[in-house]
C-alpha atoms as a PDB file:
ATOM      1  CA  UNK A   1     -66.222  52.063  54.718  1.00  0.00           C
ATOM      2  CA  UNK A   2     -68.313  54.633  54.614  1.00  0.00           C
ATOM      3  CA  UNK A   3     -68.518  57.564  52.371  1.00  0.00           C
ATOM      4  CA  UNK A   4     -66.451  60.184  54.829  1.00  0.00           C
ATOM      5  CA  UNK A   5     -63.762  57.675  55.031  1.00  0.00           C
ATOM      6  CA  UNK A   6     -63.563  56.379  51.986  1.00  0.00           C
ATOM      7  CA  UNK A   7     -62.912  60.124  50.747  1.00  0.00           C
ATOM      8  CA  UNK A   8     -60.317  60.489  53.729  1.00  0.00           C
ATOM      9  CA  UNK A   9     -58.041  58.010  51.808  1.00  0.00           C
ATOM     10  CA  UNK A  10     -59.062  58.668  48.656  1.00  0.00           C
ATOM     11  CA  UNK A  11     -57.369  62.538  49.679  1.00  0.00           C
ATOM     12  CA  UNK A  12     -54.220  60.796  51.497  1.00  0.00           C
ATOM     13  CA  UNK A  13     -53.271  58.680  48.065  1.00  0.00           C
ATOM     14  CA  UNK A  14     -53.490  61.903  45.751  1.00  0.00           C
ATOM     15  CA  UNK A  15     -51.639  64.270  48.469  1.00  0.00           C
ATOM     16  CA  UNK A  16     -48.913  61.185  48.986  1.00  0.00           C
ATOM     17  CA  UNK A  17     -48.706  60.755  45.354  1.00  0.00           C
ATOM     18  CA  UNK A  18     -48.305  64.469  44.660  1.00  0.00           C
ATOM     19  CA  UNK A  19     -45.517  64.770  47.172  1.00  0.00           C
ATOM     20  CA  UNK A  20     -43.743  61.645  46.376  1.00  0.00           C
ATOM     21  CA  UNK A  21     -43.997  62.683  42.410  1.00  0.00           C
ATOM     22  CA  UNK A  22     -42.708  66.144  43.610  1.00  0.00           C
ATOM     23  CA  UNK A  23     -39.525  65.076  45.023  1.00  0.00           C
ATOM     24  CA  UNK A  24     -38.622  62.429  43.171  1.00  0.00           C
ATOM     25  CA  UNK A  25     -38.475  65.204  40.071  1.00  0.00           C
ATOM     26  CA  UNK A  26     -36.886  67.866  41.898  1.00  0.00           C
ATOM     27  CA  UNK A  27     -34.410  65.537  43.030  1.00  0.00           C
ATOM     28  CA  UNK A  28     -33.836  64.278  39.609  1.00  0.00           C
ATOM     29  CA  UNK A  29     -34.039  68.011  38.320  1.00  0.00           C
ATOM     30  CA  UNK A  30     -31.275  69.326  40.768  1.00  0.00           C
ATOM     31  CA  UNK A  31     -29.036  65.491  40.816  1.00  0.00           C
ATOM     32  CA  UNK A  32     -26.819  67.231  38.021  1.00  0.00           C
ATOM     33  CA  UNK A  33     -24.943  69.191  40.940  1.00  0.00           C
ATOM     34  CA  UNK A  34     -22.657  67.963  42.627  1.00  0.00           C
ATOM     35  CA  UNK A  35     -21.788  69.304  46.136  1.00  0.00           C
ATOM     36  CA  UNK A  36     -19.139  68.189  48.534  1.00  0.00           C
ATOM     37  CA  UNK A  37     -21.002  66.933  52.179  1.00  0.00           C
ATOM     38  CA  UNK A  38     -18.080  67.475  54.570  1.00  0.00           C
ATOM     39  CA  UNK A  39     -17.656  71.408  53.372  1.00  0.00           C
ATOM     40  CA  UNK A  40     -21.694  71.861  53.553  1.00  0.00           C
ATOM     41  CA  UNK A  41     -21.099  70.420  57.813  1.00  0.00           C
ATOM     42  CA  UNK A  42     -17.324  72.417  58.194  1.00  0.00           C
ATOM     43  CA  UNK A  43     -15.916  69.063  57.828  1.00  0.00           C
ATOM     44  CA  UNK A  44     -12.942  67.857  56.280  1.00  0.00           C
ATOM     45  CA  UNK A  45     -12.740  66.075  53.062  1.00  0.00           C
ATOM     46  CA  UNK A  46     -12.856  62.154  54.037  1.00  0.00           C
ATOM     47  CA  UNK A  47     -10.159  61.387  51.532  1.00  0.00           C
ATOM     48  CA  UNK A  48     -11.273  57.620  51.928  1.00  0.00           C
ATOM     49  CA  UNK A  49      -9.582  55.077  50.045  1.00  0.00           C
ATOM     50  CA  UNK A  50     -11.246  52.381  48.392  1.00  0.00           C
ATOM     51  CA  UNK A  51      -9.450  49.481  45.644  1.00  0.00           C
ATOM     52  CA  UNK A  52      -7.392  51.925  44.914  1.00  0.00           C
ATOM     53  CA  UNK A  53      -9.613  55.500  44.111  1.00  0.00           C
ATOM     54  CA  UNK A  54      -9.326  58.004  46.608  1.00  0.00           C
ATOM     55  CA  UNK A  55     -12.617  59.828  47.523  1.00  0.00           C
ATOM     56  CA  UNK A  56     -14.622  62.327  49.387  1.00  0.00           C
ATOM     57  CA  UNK A  57     -18.329  62.299  50.170  1.00  0.00           C
ATOM     58  CA  UNK A  58     -19.228  64.174  46.617  1.00  0.00           C
ATOM     59  CA  UNK A  59     -22.781  63.616  46.306  1.00  0.00           C
ATOM     60  CA  UNK A  60     -26.010  64.962  43.990  1.00  0.00           C
ATOM     61  CA  UNK A  61     -27.781  67.551  45.149  1.00  0.00           C
ATOM     62  CA  UNK A  62     -30.933  65.131  44.470  1.00  0.00           C
ATOM     63  CA  UNK A  63     -29.893  62.901  47.626  1.00  0.00           C
ATOM     64  CA  UNK A  64     -30.970  65.619  49.883  1.00  0.00           C
ATOM     65  CA  UNK A  65     -34.034  64.848  48.885  1.00  0.00           C
ATOM     66  CA  UNK A  66     -34.769  61.437  47.990  1.00  0.00           C
ATOM     67  CA  UNK A  67     -35.198  60.040  52.089  1.00  0.00           C
ATOM     68  CA  UNK A  68     -38.284  62.016  51.638  1.00  0.00           C
ATOM     69  CA  UNK A  69     -39.090  60.187  48.525  1.00  0.00           C
ATOM     70  CA  UNK A  70     -38.067  56.662  51.128  1.00  0.00           C
ATOM     71  CA  UNK A  71     -40.409  58.305  53.948  1.00  0.00           C
ATOM     72  CA  UNK A  72     -42.860  58.795  51.667  1.00  0.00           C
ATOM     73  CA  UNK A  73     -42.738  55.577  50.159  1.00  0.00           C
ATOM     74  CA  UNK A  74     -43.105  53.348  53.551  1.00  0.00           C
ATOM     75  CA  UNK A  75     -45.584  55.454  54.881  1.00  0.00           C
ATOM     76  CA  UNK A  76     -47.531  54.646  51.395  1.00  0.00           C
ATOM     77  CA  UNK A  77     -46.549  51.102  52.129  1.00  0.00           C
ATOM     78  CA  UNK A  78     -48.269  50.705  55.431  1.00  0.00           C
ATOM     79  CA  UNK A  79     -51.444  52.570  53.802  1.00  0.00           C
ATOM     80  CA  UNK A  80     -51.840  50.984  51.156  1.00  0.00           C
ATOM     81  CA  UNK A  81     -50.076  48.306  50.346  1.00  0.00           C
ATOM     82  CA  UNK A  82     -48.115  46.746  47.335  1.00  0.00           C
ATOM     83  CA  UNK A  83     -50.120  47.864  44.667  1.00  0.00           C
ATOM     84  CA  UNK A  84     -50.125  51.575  46.034  1.00  0.00           C
ATOM     85  CA  UNK A  85     -46.591  52.050  45.493  1.00  0.00           C
ATOM     86  CA  UNK A  86     -46.978  50.294  42.380  1.00  0.00           C
ATOM     87  CA  UNK A  87     -49.181  53.177  40.797  1.00  0.00           C
ATOM     88  CA  UNK A  88     -47.175  55.822  41.852  1.00  0.00           C
ATOM     89  CA  UNK A  89     -43.422  54.455  41.515  1.00  0.00           C
ATOM     90  CA  UNK A  90     -45.046  53.752  37.960  1.00  0.00           C
ATOM     91  CA  UNK A  91     -46.546  57.301  37.560  1.00  0.00           C
ATOM     92  CA  UNK A  92     -43.863  58.925  38.979  1.00  0.00           C
ATOM     93  CA  UNK A  93     -41.186  56.551  36.471  1.00  0.00           C
ATOM     94  CA  UNK A  94     -43.583  57.918  33.407  1.00  0.00           C
ATOM     95  CA  UNK A  95     -43.790  61.266  34.413  1.00  0.00           C
ATOM     96  CA  UNK A  96     -40.267  61.865  35.189  1.00  0.00           C
ATOM     97  CA  UNK A  97     -39.283  60.536  31.310  1.00  0.00           C
ATOM     98  CA  UNK A  98     -41.935  62.944  30.149  1.00  0.00           C
ATOM     99  CA  UNK A  99     -39.297  65.736  32.042  1.00  0.00           C
ATOM    100  CA  UNK A 100     -36.623  64.537  30.306  1.00  0.00           C
ATOM    101  CA  UNK A 101     -38.246  64.806  26.891  1.00  0.00           C
ATOM    102  CA  UNK A 102     -39.929  68.009  27.723  1.00  0.00           C
ATOM    103  CA  UNK A 103     -36.378  69.677  29.061  1.00  0.00           C
ATOM    104  CA  UNK A 104     -34.267  67.321  26.262  1.00  0.00           C
ATOM    105  CA  UNK A 105     -36.659  69.393  23.441  1.00  0.00           C
ATOM    106  CA  UNK A 106     -36.320  72.436  25.366  1.00  0.00           C
ATOM    107  CA  UNK A 107     -32.516  72.789  25.279  1.00  0.00           C
ATOM    108  CA  UNK A 108     -32.598  72.624  21.399  1.00  0.00           C
ATOM    109  CA  UNK A 109     -34.980  75.553  20.693  1.00  0.00           C
ATOM    110  CA  UNK A 110     -32.978  78.426  19.418  1.00  0.00           C
ATOM    111  CA  UNK A 111     -32.925  80.969  22.261  1.00  0.00           C
ATOM    112  CA  UNK A 112     -33.654  84.577  21.829  1.00  0.00           C
ATOM    113  CA  UNK A 113     -30.957  87.294  21.095  1.00  0.00           C
ATOM    114  CA  UNK A 114     -32.060  90.009  23.922  1.00  0.00           C
ATOM    115  CA  UNK A 115     -31.799  86.613  26.273  1.00  0.00           C
ATOM    116  CA  UNK A 116     -28.393  85.677  25.375  1.00  0.00           C
ATOM    117  CA  UNK A 117     -27.149  89.356  25.324  1.00  0.00           C
ATOM    118  CA  UNK A 118     -28.203  90.340  28.392  1.00  0.00           C
ATOM    119  CA  UNK A 119     -26.350  87.837  30.496  1.00  0.00           C
ATOM    120  CA  UNK A 120     -23.493  87.851  27.794  1.00  0.00           C
ATOM    121  CA  UNK A 121     -22.406  91.905  29.853  1.00  0.00           C
ATOM    122  CA  UNK A 122     -21.600  89.325  32.618  1.00  0.00           C
ATOM    123  CA  UNK A 123     -19.668  86.641  30.615  1.00  0.00           C
ATOM    124  CA  UNK A 124     -22.046  83.869  30.530  1.00  0.00           C
ATOM    125  CA  UNK A 125     -23.231  81.967  27.669  1.00  0.00           C
ATOM    126  CA  UNK A 126     -27.017  81.410  28.951  1.00  0.00           C
ATOM    127  CA  UNK A 127     -27.888  79.368  26.421  1.00  0.00           C
ATOM    128  CA  UNK A 128     -25.280  76.809  26.882  1.00  0.00           C
ATOM    129  CA  UNK A 129     -25.242  76.863  30.653  1.00  0.00           C
ATOM    130  CA  UNK A 130     -29.064  76.069  30.449  1.00  0.00           C
ATOM    131  CA  UNK A 131     -28.578  73.083  28.277  1.00  0.00           C
ATOM    132  CA  UNK A 132     -25.276  71.805  30.369  1.00  0.00           C
ATOM    133  CA  UNK A 133     -27.489  72.007  33.204  1.00  0.00           C
ATOM    134  CA  UNK A 134     -30.827  70.236  32.667  1.00  0.00           C
ATOM    135  CA  UNK A 135     -30.025  68.122  29.893  1.00  0.00           C
ATOM    136  CA  UNK A 136     -28.943  64.825  30.897  1.00  0.00           C
ATOM    137  CA  UNK A 137     -26.984  61.492  28.913  1.00  0.00           C
ATOM    138  CA  UNK A 138     -28.797  58.576  27.822  1.00  0.00           C
ATOM    139  CA  UNK A 139     -27.202  56.325  30.239  1.00  0.00           C
ATOM    140  CA  UNK A 140     -28.379  58.279  33.487  1.00  0.00           C
ATOM    141  CA  UNK A 141     -31.636  58.844  32.608  1.00  0.00           C
ATOM    142  CA  UNK A 142     -31.827  54.882  31.977  1.00  0.00           C
ATOM    143  CA  UNK A 143     -29.785  54.228  35.082  1.00  0.00           C
ATOM    144  CA  UNK A 144     -31.900  56.639  37.153  1.00  0.00           C
ATOM    145  CA  UNK A 145     -35.832  55.195  36.010  1.00  0.00           C
ATOM    146  CA  UNK A 146     -34.439  51.339  36.536  1.00  0.00           C
ATOM    147  CA  UNK A 147     -32.598  51.855  39.588  1.00  0.00           C
ATOM    148  CA  UNK A 148     -35.570  53.704  41.126  1.00  0.00           C
ATOM    149  CA  UNK A 149     -38.146  51.131  39.753  1.00  0.00           C
ATOM    150  CA  UNK A 150     -35.880  47.675  41.264  1.00  0.00           C
ATOM    151  CA  UNK A 151     -35.330  50.299  44.364  1.00  0.00           C
ATOM    152  CA  UNK A 152     -39.392  50.587  45.317  1.00  0.00           C
ATOM    153  CA  UNK A 153     -40.440  47.080  44.303  1.00  0.00           C
ATOM    154  CA  UNK A 154     -37.453  45.734  46.550  1.00  0.00           C
ATOM    155  CA  UNK A 155     -38.836  48.507  49.243  1.00  0.00           C
ATOM    156  CA  UNK A 156     -42.580  47.060  49.077  1.00  0.00           C
ATOM    157  CA  UNK A 157     -41.448  43.416  49.104  1.00  0.00           C
ATOM    158  CA  UNK A 158     -38.713  43.935  52.257  1.00  0.00           C
ATOM    159  CA  UNK A 159     -41.694  46.174  54.060  1.00  0.00           C
ATOM    160  CA  UNK A 160     -44.549  43.437  54.013  1.00  0.00           C
ATOM    161  CA  UNK A 161     -42.158  40.352  54.972  1.00  0.00           C
ATOM    162  CA  UNK A 162     -40.906  42.625  57.852  1.00  0.00           C
ATOM    163  CA  UNK A 163     -44.405  43.400  58.423  1.00  0.00           C
ATOM    164  CA  UNK A 164     -45.589  39.731  58.657  1.00  0.00           C
ATOM    165  CA  UNK A 165     -42.688  38.845  61.010  1.00  0.00           C
ATOM    166  CA  UNK A 166     -43.697  42.081  63.357  1.00  0.00           C
ATOM    167  CA  UNK A 167     -47.482  42.738  62.460  1.00  0.00           C
ATOM    168  CA  UNK A 168     -48.409  46.000  63.347  1.00  0.00           C
ATOM    169  CA  UNK A 169     -45.801  46.601  66.018  1.00  0.00           C
ATOM    170  CA  UNK A 170     -41.829  48.117  65.014  1.00  0.00           C
ATOM    171  CA  UNK A 171     -42.450  50.532  62.446  1.00  0.00           C
ATOM    172  CA  UNK A 172     -39.441  51.334  62.232  1.00  0.00           C
ATOM    173  CA  UNK A 173     -38.379  47.908  61.881  1.00  0.00           C
ATOM    174  CA  UNK A 174     -40.264  47.443  58.604  1.00  0.00           C
ATOM    175  CA  UNK A 175     -39.892  51.071  57.766  1.00  0.00           C
ATOM    176  CA  UNK A 176     -35.877  51.721  58.067  1.00  0.00           C
ATOM    177  CA  UNK A 177     -35.025  48.001  56.907  1.00  0.00           C
ATOM    178  CA  UNK A 178     -36.862  48.071  53.208  1.00  0.00           C
ATOM    179  CA  UNK A 179     -35.114  51.340  52.756  1.00  0.00           C
ATOM    180  CA  UNK A 180     -31.684  50.548  53.964  1.00  0.00           C
ATOM    181  CA  UNK A 181     -31.936  47.093  51.773  1.00  0.00           C
ATOM    182  CA  UNK A 182     -33.265  48.393  49.152  1.00  0.00           C
ATOM    183  CA  UNK A 183     -31.043  52.112  48.244  1.00  0.00           C
ATOM    184  CA  UNK A 184     -27.988  49.446  48.635  1.00  0.00           C
ATOM    185  CA  UNK A 185     -29.168  47.773  45.400  1.00  0.00           C
ATOM    186  CA  UNK A 186     -30.761  50.836  44.137  1.00  0.00           C
ATOM    187  CA  UNK A 187     -26.835  52.479  45.102  1.00  0.00           C
ATOM    188  CA  UNK A 188     -25.401  50.244  42.327  1.00  0.00           C
ATOM    189  CA  UNK A 189     -27.739  49.721  39.806  1.00  0.00           C
ATOM    190  CA  UNK A 190     -27.629  53.236  38.708  1.00  0.00           C
ATOM    191  CA  UNK A 191     -23.757  53.381  38.873  1.00  0.00           C
ATOM    192  CA  UNK A 192     -23.439  49.768  37.324  1.00  0.00           C
ATOM    193  CA  UNK A 193     -26.126  51.189  34.155  1.00  0.00           C
ATOM    194  CA  UNK A 194     -25.478  55.167  33.629  1.00  0.00           C
ATOM    195  CA  UNK A 195     -21.403  55.039  33.995  1.00  0.00           C
ATOM    196  CA  UNK A 196     -20.486  51.157  33.608  1.00  0.00           C
ATOM    197  CA  UNK A 197     -22.600  50.302  30.648  1.00  0.00           C
ATOM    198  CA  UNK A 198     -22.875  54.063  29.144  1.00  0.00           C
ATOM    199  CA  UNK A 199     -19.940  55.160  30.479  1.00  0.00           C
ATOM    200  CA  UNK A 200     -15.901  54.672  31.178  1.00  0.00           C
ATOM    201  CA  UNK A 201     -15.747  53.682  34.659  1.00  0.00           C
ATOM    202  CA  UNK A 202     -14.028  50.229  35.972  1.00  0.00           C
ATOM    203  CA  UNK A 203     -16.039  48.042  37.809  1.00  0.00           C
ATOM    204  CA  UNK A 204     -13.962  48.682  41.027  1.00  0.00           C
ATOM    205  CA  UNK A 205     -14.737  52.450  41.141  1.00  0.00           C
ATOM    206  CA  UNK A 206     -18.614  51.623  41.052  1.00  0.00           C
ATOM    207  CA  UNK A 207     -18.045  49.662  44.088  1.00  0.00           C
ATOM    208  CA  UNK A 208     -16.305  52.374  45.508  1.00  0.00           C
ATOM    209  CA  UNK A 209     -18.837  55.258  44.516  1.00  0.00           C
ATOM    210  CA  UNK A 210     -21.630  53.232  45.239  1.00  0.00           C
ATOM    211  CA  UNK A 211     -20.490  52.212  48.959  1.00  0.00           C
ATOM    212  CA  UNK A 212     -19.913  56.304  49.076  1.00  0.00           C
ATOM    213  CA  UNK A 213     -23.254  56.853  48.326  1.00  0.00           C
ATOM    214  CA  UNK A 214     -24.892  54.190  50.651  1.00  0.00           C
ATOM    215  CA  UNK A 215     -23.253  55.265  53.657  1.00  0.00           C
ATOM    216  CA  UNK A 216     -25.153  58.261  53.548  1.00  0.00           C
ATOM    217  CA  UNK A 217     -28.163  56.811  52.098  1.00  0.00           C
ATOM    218  CA  UNK A 218     -28.096  54.220  54.967  1.00  0.00           C
ATOM    219  CA  UNK A 219     -27.197  57.602  57.833  1.00  0.00           C
ATOM    220  CA  UNK A 220     -29.823  59.188  56.032  1.00  0.00           C
ATOM    221  CA  UNK A 221     -32.605  56.063  56.226  1.00  0.00           C
ATOM    222  CA  UNK A 222     -31.969  56.064  60.055  1.00  0.00           C
ATOM    223  CA  UNK A 223     -32.059  59.830  60.558  1.00  0.00           C
ATOM    224  CA  UNK A 224     -35.584  60.384  58.968  1.00  0.00           C
ATOM    225  CA  UNK A 225     -37.334  57.386  60.682  1.00  0.00           C
ATOM    226  CA  UNK A 226     -38.949  59.371  63.689  1.00  0.00           C
ATOM    227  CA  UNK A 227     -40.257  61.268  60.332  1.00  0.00           C
ATOM    228  CA  UNK A 228     -41.812  57.990  59.216  1.00  0.00           C
ATOM    229  CA  UNK A 229     -44.076  57.779  62.929  1.00  0.00           C
ATOM    230  CA  UNK A 230     -45.008  61.926  62.632  1.00  0.00           C
ATOM    231  CA  UNK A 231     -46.975  60.949  59.508  1.00  0.00           C
ATOM    232  CA  UNK A 232     -48.002  57.595  61.144  1.00  0.00           C
ATOM    233  CA  UNK A 233     -49.321  60.050  64.144  1.00  0.00           C
ATOM    234  CA  UNK A 234     -50.629  62.943  61.579  1.00  0.00           C
ATOM    235  CA  UNK A 235     -52.336  60.080  59.345  1.00  0.00           C
ATOM    236  CA  UNK A 236     -54.185  58.440  62.699  1.00  0.00           C
ATOM    237  CA  UNK A 237     -55.194  61.698  63.751  1.00  0.00           C
ATOM    238  CA  UNK A 238     -56.750  62.077  59.910  1.00  0.00           C
ATOM    239  CA  UNK A 239     -58.338  58.949  59.768  1.00  0.00           C
ATOM    240  CA  UNK A 240     -59.197  58.278  63.604  1.00  0.00           C
ATOM    241  CA  UNK A 241     -57.178  55.399  64.886  1.00  0.00           C
ATOM    242  CA  UNK A 242     -59.244  52.645  64.213  1.00  0.00           C
ATOM    243  CA  UNK A 243     -60.089  53.368  60.826  1.00  0.00           C
ATOM    244  CA  UNK A 244     -56.306  53.784  60.007  1.00  0.00           C
ATOM    245  CA  UNK A 245     -55.305  50.578  62.092  1.00  0.00           C
ATOM    246  CA  UNK A 246     -58.177  48.763  59.774  1.00  0.00           C
ATOM    247  CA  UNK A 247     -56.593  50.495  56.428  1.00  0.00           C
ATOM    248  CA  UNK A 248     -53.411  49.314  57.664  1.00  0.00           C
ATOM    249  CA  UNK A 249     -54.781  45.618  58.246  1.00  0.00           C
ATOM    250  CA  UNK A 250     -56.069  45.243  54.679  1.00  0.00           C
ATOM    251  CA  UNK A 251     -53.148  46.995  52.958  1.00  0.00           C
ATOM    252  CA  UNK A 252     -51.215  44.275  54.682  1.00  0.00           C
ATOM    253  CA  UNK A 253     -53.530  41.276  53.276  1.00  0.00           C
ATOM    254  CA  UNK A 254     -53.317  42.395  49.861  1.00  0.00           C
ATOM    255  CA  UNK A 255     -50.197  42.392  50.166  1.00  0.00           C
ATOM    256  CA  UNK A 256     -49.686  39.018  50.748  1.00  0.00           C
ATOM    257  CA  UNK A 257     -47.899  37.082  47.858  1.00  0.00           C
ATOM    258  CA  UNK A 258     -45.846  40.066  46.473  1.00  0.00           C
ATOM    259  CA  UNK A 259     -43.541  38.223  44.452  1.00  0.00           C
END
């Protein structure tokens, strides 16, 4: 591989890593807001009855961004294989943990009186609001990071198993299939750890809410499939069609024997 191609490949990996990290970190930060999907698209609440619980599509704001994480994972899988995804995943998990630590420390800093007084006129305790929004419970942090890593490694495994069956064809199958499987597990792991082990939810409530979350992720994964092809198109143009295919084959070969 010539120097120019090596430089392009390194730049591509840096871009994918940066974009992946930014999406994952922002998703965690905005995850404290719960929004109504039905109201967002002008529909009435679903009022689904699951195992005795009446549930609507009330979702964390982070799910709006996570589909871009899925797409970036699949593209990284394609061109950099399991090692590339592992490096990005561990780096992202470590930096998210670091961000939680810094934000947690920031909420404990004594507020400047003028800052508090500025918003007190509006009847808002800005320091309390800041802490409420940014401080997440230990269970949520552990559940989120654990589910993230499990989901990433399952995505890699299924992706390359499917690639061995289909070869370079049927990108949609390995990209969407790996995401659908990994997010099935992810949806329940995060809830089980955060709200069953560390919280007071029942197992049935975990299953009910997990199903609602997975329905959204299922639809989002299928809807985002064209972006995977778009990403391949731009990368093939950037690296060159033949070189891109060669790099993809190398990544698939190096990823054999996963787990």
